[in-house]
Amino acid sequence: MANRDPETIKQEIDKARDQLALTVDSLAERANPQRLADDVKAAVIRFVKKPVVAASLAGVGALVVVVAIRRVKR
């Protein structure tokens, strides 16, 4: 191995440490349960707001109301 300046080695170690810290912070943010829950919630809301899905849910809701009324009348 070539002789290297101790100051250069220290700078490389500091740079590697900083890069590792950024990577760990990034992973911690991605694995944050609250952020994951917020992402899922936003995805579900986007899905439900689609016209086809909203119409389907309205139809299912109407069907449930009709069935409930028929059962109450019996």
PDB file of N, CA and C in Angstrom:
ATOM      1  N   MET A   1       0.848  -1.172   0.000  1.00  0.00           N
ATOM      2  CA  MET A   1       0.000   0.000   0.000  1.00  0.00           C
ATOM      3  C   MET A   1       0.893   1.234   0.000  1.00  0.00           C
ATOM      4  N   ALA A   2       0.531   2.218  -0.752  1.00  0.00           N
ATOM      5  CA  ALA A   2       1.331   3.435  -0.877  1.00  0.00           C
ATOM      6  C   ALA A   2       1.254   4.244   0.411  1.00  0.00           C
ATOM      7  N   ASN A   3       2.309   4.944   0.693  1.00  0.00           N
ATOM      8  CA  ASN A   3       2.306   5.833   1.859  1.00  0.00           C
ATOM      9  C   ASN A   3       1.366   6.988   1.577  1.00  0.00           C
ATOM     10  N   ARG A   4       0.452   7.210   2.519  1.00  0.00           N
ATOM     11  CA  ARG A   4      -0.509   8.294   2.337  1.00  0.00           C
ATOM     12  C   ARG A   4      -0.377   9.266   3.495  1.00  0.00           C
ATOM     13  N   ASP A   5      -0.680  10.477   3.194  1.00  0.00           N
ATOM     14  CA  ASP A   5      -0.613  11.537   4.191  1.00  0.00           C
ATOM     15  C   ASP A   5      -1.707  11.304   5.244  1.00  0.00           C
ATOM     16  N   PRO A   6      -1.366  11.374   6.526  1.00  0.00           N
ATOM     17  CA  PRO A   6      -2.376  11.169   7.574  1.00  0.00           C
ATOM     18  C   PRO A   6      -3.547  12.151   7.467  1.00  0.00           C
ATOM     19  N   GLU A   7      -3.283  13.359   7.037  1.00  0.00           N
ATOM     20  CA  GLU A   7      -4.362  14.337   6.897  1.00  0.00           C
ATOM     21  C   GLU A   7      -5.332  13.926   5.787  1.00  0.00           C
ATOM     22  N   THR A   8      -4.819  13.368   4.703  1.00  0.00           N
ATOM     23  CA  THR A   8      -5.664  12.883   3.610  1.00  0.00           C
ATOM     24  C   THR A   8      -6.531  11.729   4.088  1.00  0.00           C
ATOM     25  N   ILE A   9      -5.927  10.828   4.857  1.00  0.00           N
ATOM     26  CA  ILE A   9      -6.690   9.692   5.409  1.00  0.00           C
ATOM     27  C   ILE A   9      -7.804  10.205   6.314  1.00  0.00           C
ATOM     28  N   LYS A  10      -7.486  11.187   7.167  1.00  0.00           N
ATOM     29  CA  LYS A  10      -8.495  11.751   8.073  1.00  0.00           C
ATOM     30  C   LYS A  10      -9.638  12.387   7.270  1.00  0.00           C
ATOM     31  N   GLN A  11      -9.306  13.111   6.207  1.00  0.00           N
ATOM     32  CA  GLN A  11     -10.341  13.737   5.377  1.00  0.00           C
ATOM     33  C   GLN A  11     -11.217  12.684   4.710  1.00  0.00           C
ATOM     34  N   GLU A  12     -10.622  11.594   4.250  1.00  0.00           N
ATOM     35  CA  GLU A  12     -11.406  10.514   3.633  1.00  0.00           C
ATOM     36  C   GLU A  12     -12.323   9.859   4.651  1.00  0.00           C
ATOM     37  N   ILE A  13     -11.826   9.657   5.865  1.00  0.00           N
ATOM     38  CA  ILE A  13     -12.656   9.057   6.920  1.00  0.00           C
ATOM     39  C   ILE A  13     -13.806   9.997   7.261  1.00  0.00           C
ATOM     40  N   ASP A  14     -13.523  11.293   7.388  1.00  0.00           N
ATOM     41  CA  ASP A  14     -14.588  12.263   7.683  1.00  0.00           C
ATOM     42  C   ASP A  14     -15.643  12.291   6.584  1.00  0.00           C
ATOM     43  N   LYS A  15     -15.194  12.235   5.340  1.00  0.00           N
ATOM     44  CA  LYS A  15     -16.125  12.232   4.209  1.00  0.00           C
ATOM     45  C   LYS A  15     -16.989  10.964   4.231  1.00  0.00           C
ATOM     46  N   ALA A  16     -16.360   9.837   4.488  1.00  0.00           N
ATOM     47  CA  ALA A  16     -17.116   8.574   4.553  1.00  0.00           C
ATOM     48  C   ALA A  16     -18.106   8.600   5.713  1.00  0.00           C
ATOM     49  N   ARG A  17     -17.706   9.162   6.850  1.00  0.00           N
ATOM     50  CA  ARG A  17     -18.592   9.261   8.008  1.00  0.00           C
ATOM     51  C   ARG A  17     -19.802  10.137   7.679  1.00  0.00           C
ATOM     52  N   ASP A  18     -19.571  11.260   7.009  1.00  0.00           N
ATOM     53  CA  ASP A  18     -20.671  12.150   6.634  1.00  0.00           C
ATOM     54  C   ASP A  18     -21.635  11.471   5.659  1.00  0.00           C
ATOM     55  N   GLN A  19     -21.081  10.744   4.700  1.00  0.00           N
ATOM     56  CA  GLN A  19     -21.935  10.029   3.736  1.00  0.00           C
ATOM     57  C   GLN A  19     -22.746   8.947   4.438  1.00  0.00           C
ATOM     58  N   LEU A  20     -22.129   8.249   5.386  1.00  0.00           N
ATOM     59  CA  LEU A  20     -22.846   7.215   6.138  1.00  0.00           C
ATOM     60  C   LEU A  20     -23.951   7.830   6.982  1.00  0.00           C
ATOM     61  N   ALA A  21     -23.675   8.967   7.593  1.00  0.00           N
ATOM     62  CA  ALA A  21     -24.691   9.647   8.398  1.00  0.00           C
ATOM     63  C   ALA A  21     -25.889  10.047   7.531  1.00  0.00           C
ATOM     64  N   LEU A  22     -25.620  10.550   6.333  1.00  0.00           N
ATOM     65  CA  LEU A  22     -26.716  10.922   5.425  1.00  0.00           C
ATOM     66  C   LEU A  22     -27.534   9.696   5.030  1.00  0.00           C
ATOM     67  N   THR A  23     -26.847   8.586   4.773  1.00  0.00           N
ATOM     68  CA  THR A  23     -27.537   7.362   4.395  1.00  0.00           C
ATOM     69  C   THR A  23     -28.416   6.854   5.533  1.00  0.00           C
ATOM     70  N   VAL A  24     -27.877   6.869   6.745  1.00  0.00           N
ATOM     71  CA  VAL A  24     -28.650   6.413   7.913  1.00  0.00           C
ATOM     72  C   VAL A  24     -29.854   7.325   8.128  1.00  0.00           C
ATOM     73  N   ASP A  25     -29.673   8.631   8.009  1.00  0.00           N
ATOM     74  CA  ASP A  25     -30.795   9.562   8.161  1.00  0.00           C
ATOM     75  C   ASP A  25     -31.865   9.310   7.106  1.00  0.00           C
ATOM     76  N   SER A  26     -31.444   9.048   5.885  1.00  0.00           N
ATOM     77  CA  SER A  26     -32.385   8.776   4.801  1.00  0.00           C
ATOM     78  C   SER A  26     -33.181   7.501   5.074  1.00  0.00           C
ATOM     79  N   LEU A  27     -32.495   6.467   5.518  1.00  0.00           N
ATOM     80  CA  LEU A  27     -33.173   5.207   5.835  1.00  0.00           C
ATOM     81  C   LEU A  27     -34.135   5.375   7.008  1.00  0.00           C
ATOM     82  N   ALA A  28     -33.724   6.138   8.002  1.00  0.00           N
ATOM     83  CA  ALA A  28     -34.596   6.377   9.157  1.00  0.00           C
ATOM     84  C   ALA A  28     -35.857   7.119   8.725  1.00  0.00           C
ATOM     85  N   GLU A  29     -35.723   8.065   7.821  1.00  0.00           N
ATOM     86  CA  GLU A  29     -36.887   8.813   7.338  1.00  0.00           C
ATOM     87  C   GLU A  29     -37.820   7.910   6.536  1.00  0.00           C
ATOM     88  N   ARG A  30     -37.236   7.057   5.704  1.00  0.00           N
ATOM     89  CA  ARG A  30     -38.071   6.154   4.892  1.00  0.00           C
ATOM     90  C   ARG A  30     -38.800   5.131   5.752  1.00  0.00           C
ATOM     91  N   ALA A  31     -38.205   4.734   6.869  1.00  0.00           N
ATOM     92  CA  ALA A  31     -38.806   3.708   7.724  1.00  0.00           C
ATOM     93  C   ALA A  31     -39.672   4.301   8.826  1.00  0.00           C
ATOM     94  N   ASN A  32     -39.854   5.604   8.841  1.00  0.00           N
ATOM     95  CA  ASN A  32     -40.648   6.262   9.866  1.00  0.00           C
ATOM     96  C   ASN A  32     -42.106   5.793   9.751  1.00  0.00           C
ATOM     97  N   PRO A  33     -42.646   5.165  10.799  1.00  0.00           N
ATOM     98  CA  PRO A  33     -44.023   4.641  10.727  1.00  0.00           C
ATOM     99  C   PRO A  33     -45.068   5.712  10.430  1.00  0.00           C
ATOM    100  N   GLN A  34     -44.903   6.906  10.987  1.00  0.00           N
ATOM    101  CA  GLN A  34     -45.878   7.970  10.736  1.00  0.00           C
ATOM    102  C   GLN A  34     -45.858   8.377   9.271  1.00  0.00           C
ATOM    103  N   ARG A  35     -44.679   8.480   8.679  1.00  0.00           N
ATOM    104  CA  ARG A  35     -44.579   8.839   7.267  1.00  0.00           C
ATOM    105  C   ARG A  35     -45.176   7.746   6.391  1.00  0.00           C
ATOM    106  N   LEU A  36     -44.910   6.491   6.757  1.00  0.00           N
ATOM    107  CA  LEU A  36     -45.487   5.383   5.989  1.00  0.00           C
ATOM    108  C   LEU A  36     -47.012   5.412   6.060  1.00  0.00           C
ATOM    109  N   ALA A  37     -47.545   5.666   7.247  1.00  0.00           N
ATOM    110  CA  ALA A  37     -49.005   5.742   7.408  1.00  0.00           C
ATOM    111  C   ALA A  37     -49.571   6.902   6.598  1.00  0.00           C
ATOM    112  N   ASP A  38     -48.890   8.037   6.616  1.00  0.00           N
ATOM    113  CA  ASP A  38     -49.351   9.197   5.839  1.00  0.00           C
ATOM    114  C   ASP A  38     -49.329   8.898   4.346  1.00  0.00           C
ATOM    115  N   ASP A  39     -48.299   8.192   3.885  1.00  0.00           N
ATOM    116  CA  ASP A  39     -48.212   7.829   2.463  1.00  0.00           C
ATOM    117  C   ASP A  39     -49.348   6.895   2.058  1.00  0.00           C
ATOM    118  N   VAL A  40     -49.646   5.914   2.913  1.00  0.00           N
ATOM    119  CA  VAL A  40     -50.738   4.975   2.615  1.00  0.00           C
ATOM    120  C   VAL A  40     -52.075   5.718   2.610  1.00  0.00           C
ATOM    121  N   LYS A  41     -52.259   6.586   3.583  1.00  0.00           N
ATOM    122  CA  LYS A  41     -53.501   7.362   3.663  1.00  0.00           C
ATOM    123  C   LYS A  41     -53.689   8.209   2.405  1.00  0.00           C
ATOM    124  N   ALA A  42     -52.629   8.871   1.976  1.00  0.00           N
ATOM    125  CA  ALA A  42     -52.710   9.709   0.772  1.00  0.00           C
ATOM    126  C   ALA A  42     -53.013   8.856  -0.461  1.00  0.00           C
ATOM    127  N   ALA A  43     -52.420   7.671  -0.540  1.00  0.00           N
ATOM    128  CA  ALA A  43     -52.667   6.790  -1.687  1.00  0.00           C
ATOM    129  C   ALA A  43     -54.120   6.323  -1.706  1.00  0.00           C
ATOM    130  N   VAL A  44     -54.659   5.979  -0.542  1.00  0.00           N
ATOM    131  CA  VAL A  44     -56.056   5.535  -0.464  1.00  0.00           C
ATOM    132  C   VAL A  44     -56.997   6.669  -0.858  1.00  0.00           C
ATOM    133  N   ILE A  45     -56.710   7.869  -0.383  1.00  0.00           N
ATOM    134  CA  ILE A  45     -57.563   9.015  -0.728  1.00  0.00           C
ATOM    135  C   ILE A  45     -57.516   9.289  -2.225  1.00  0.00           C
ATOM    136  N   ARG A  46     -56.312   9.234  -2.820  1.00  0.00           N
ATOM    137  CA  ARG A  46     -56.216   9.420  -4.279  1.00  0.00           C
ATOM    138  C   ARG A  46     -57.013   8.349  -5.011  1.00  0.00           C
ATOM    139  N   PHE A  47     -56.952   7.095  -4.533  1.00  0.00           N
ATOM    140  CA  PHE A  47     -57.672   5.999  -5.173  1.00  0.00           C
ATOM    141  C   PHE A  47     -59.179   6.202  -5.072  1.00  0.00           C
ATOM    142  N   VAL A  48     -59.656   6.575  -3.886  1.00  0.00           N
ATOM    143  CA  VAL A  48     -61.099   6.717  -3.668  1.00  0.00           C
ATOM    144  C   VAL A  48     -61.653   7.913  -4.441  1.00  0.00           C
ATOM    145  N   LYS A  49     -60.837   8.914  -4.684  1.00  0.00           N
ATOM    146  CA  LYS A  49     -61.312  10.100  -5.401  1.00  0.00           C
ATOM    147  C   LYS A  49     -61.451   9.875  -6.905  1.00  0.00           C
ATOM    148  N   LYS A  50     -60.998   8.740  -7.399  1.00  0.00           N
ATOM    149  CA  LYS A  50     -61.179   8.451  -8.819  1.00  0.00           C
ATOM    150  C   LYS A  50     -62.673   8.293  -9.080  1.00  0.00           C
ATOM    151  N   PRO A  51     -63.178   8.852 -10.174  1.00  0.00           N
ATOM    152  CA  PRO A  51     -64.625   8.810 -10.445  1.00  0.00           C
ATOM    153  C   PRO A  51     -65.205   7.397 -10.474  1.00  0.00           C
ATOM    154  N   VAL A  52     -64.494   6.459 -11.053  1.00  0.00           N
ATOM    155  CA  VAL A  52     -65.017   5.090 -11.146  1.00  0.00           C
ATOM    156  C   VAL A  52     -65.146   4.481  -9.751  1.00  0.00           C
ATOM    157  N   VAL A  53     -64.163   4.682  -8.926  1.00  0.00           N
ATOM    158  CA  VAL A  53     -64.183   4.123  -7.569  1.00  0.00           C
ATOM    159  C   VAL A  53     -65.254   4.810  -6.738  1.00  0.00           C
ATOM    160  N   ALA A  54     -65.348   6.131  -6.845  1.00  0.00           N
ATOM    161  CA  ALA A  54     -66.362   6.867  -6.080  1.00  0.00           C
ATOM    162  C   ALA A  54     -67.765   6.405  -6.468  1.00  0.00           C
ATOM    163  N   ALA A  55     -68.003   6.205  -7.748  1.00  0.00           N
ATOM    164  CA  ALA A  55     -69.322   5.740  -8.199  1.00  0.00           C
ATOM    165  C   ALA A  55     -69.593   4.323  -7.694  1.00  0.00           C
ATOM    166  N   SER A  56     -68.586   3.482  -7.722  1.00  0.00           N
ATOM    167  CA  SER A  56     -68.753   2.110  -7.227  1.00  0.00           C
ATOM    168  C   SER A  56     -69.065   2.105  -5.736  1.00  0.00           C
ATOM    169  N   LEU A  57     -68.346   2.912  -4.979  1.00  0.00           N
ATOM    170  CA  LEU A  57     -68.608   2.986  -3.540  1.00  0.00           C
ATOM    171  C   LEU A  57     -70.004   3.536  -3.257  1.00  0.00           C
ATOM    172  N   ALA A  58     -70.434   4.512  -4.049  1.00  0.00           N
ATOM    173  CA  ALA A  58     -71.789   5.046  -3.880  1.00  0.00           C
ATOM    174  C   ALA A  58     -72.824   3.957  -4.173  1.00  0.00           C
ATOM    175  N   GLY A  59     -72.583   3.152  -5.203  1.00  0.00           N
ATOM    176  CA  GLY A  59     -73.500   2.059  -5.526  1.00  0.00           C
ATOM    177  C   GLY A  59     -73.547   1.022  -4.425  1.00  0.00           C
ATOM    178  N   VAL A  60     -72.402   0.664  -3.891  1.00  0.00           N
ATOM    179  CA  VAL A  60     -72.363  -0.311  -2.785  1.00  0.00           C
ATOM    180  C   VAL A  60     -73.073   0.260  -1.567  1.00  0.00           C
ATOM    181  N   GLY A  61     -72.850   1.547  -1.288  1.00  0.00           N
ATOM    182  CA  GLY A  61     -73.519   2.182  -0.153  1.00  0.00           C
ATOM    183  C   GLY A  61     -75.034   2.178  -0.322  1.00  0.00           C
ATOM    184  N   ALA A  62     -75.502   2.477  -1.523  1.00  0.00           N
ATOM    185  CA  ALA A  62     -76.947   2.463  -1.790  1.00  0.00           C
ATOM    186  C   ALA A  62     -77.507   1.057  -1.625  1.00  0.00           C
ATOM    187  N   LEU A  63     -76.780   0.066  -2.096  1.00  0.00           N
ATOM    188  CA  LEU A  63     -77.219  -1.323  -1.953  1.00  0.00           C
ATOM    189  C   LEU A  63     -77.322  -1.718  -0.485  1.00  0.00           C
ATOM    190  N   VAL A  64     -76.360  -1.316   0.314  1.00  0.00           N
ATOM    191  CA  VAL A  64     -76.393  -1.620   1.753  1.00  0.00           C
ATOM    192  C   VAL A  64     -77.600  -0.959   2.406  1.00  0.00           C
ATOM    193  N   VAL A  65     -77.906   0.279   2.030  1.00  0.00           N
ATOM    194  CA  VAL A  65     -79.068   0.972   2.590  1.00  0.00           C
ATOM    195  C   VAL A  65     -80.348   0.250   2.210  1.00  0.00           C
ATOM    196  N   VAL A  66     -80.478  -0.162   0.958  1.00  0.00           N
ATOM    197  CA  VAL A  66     -81.676  -0.872   0.499  1.00  0.00           C
ATOM    198  C   VAL A  66     -81.846  -2.188   1.251  1.00  0.00           C
ATOM    199  N   VAL A  67     -80.773  -2.943   1.388  1.00  0.00           N
ATOM    200  CA  VAL A  67     -80.841  -4.227   2.112  1.00  0.00           C
ATOM    201  C   VAL A  67     -81.205  -3.988   3.566  1.00  0.00           C
ATOM    202  N   ALA A  68     -80.627  -2.966   4.192  1.00  0.00           N
ATOM    203  CA  ALA A  68     -80.931  -2.677   5.593  1.00  0.00           C
ATOM    204  C   ALA A  68     -82.394  -2.294   5.763  1.00  0.00           C
ATOM    205  N   ILE A  69     -82.926  -1.493   4.862  1.00  0.00           N
ATOM    206  CA  ILE A  69     -84.341  -1.088   4.945  1.00  0.00           C
ATOM    207  C   ILE A  69     -85.247  -2.292   4.767  1.00  0.00           C
ATOM    208  N   ARG A  70     -84.909  -3.169   3.834  1.00  0.00           N
ATOM    209  CA  ARG A  70     -85.748  -4.358   3.598  1.00  0.00           C
ATOM    210  C   ARG A  70     -85.736  -5.276   4.825  1.00  0.00           C
ATOM    211  N   ARG A  71     -84.592  -5.384   5.490  1.00  0.00           N
ATOM    212  CA  ARG A  71     -84.520  -6.241   6.680  1.00  0.00           C
ATOM    213  C   ARG A  71     -85.311  -5.627   7.836  1.00  0.00           C
ATOM    214  N   VAL A  72     -85.291  -4.318   7.938  1.00  0.00           N
ATOM    215  CA  VAL A  72     -86.023  -3.654   9.028  1.00  0.00           C
ATOM    216  C   VAL A  72     -87.523  -3.815   8.800  1.00  0.00           C
ATOM    217  N   LYS A  73     -87.967  -3.760   7.564  1.00  0.00           N
ATOM    218  CA  LYS A  73     -89.406  -3.884   7.264  1.00  0.00           C
ATOM    219  C   LYS A  73     -89.927  -5.293   7.515  1.00  0.00           C
ATOM    220  N   ARG A  74     -89.077  -6.284   7.485  1.00  0.00           N
ATOM    221  CA  ARG A  74     -89.531  -7.665   7.698  1.00  0.00           C
ATOM    222  C   ARG A  74     -89.816  -7.912   9.102  1.00  0.00           C
TER     223      ARG A  74
END
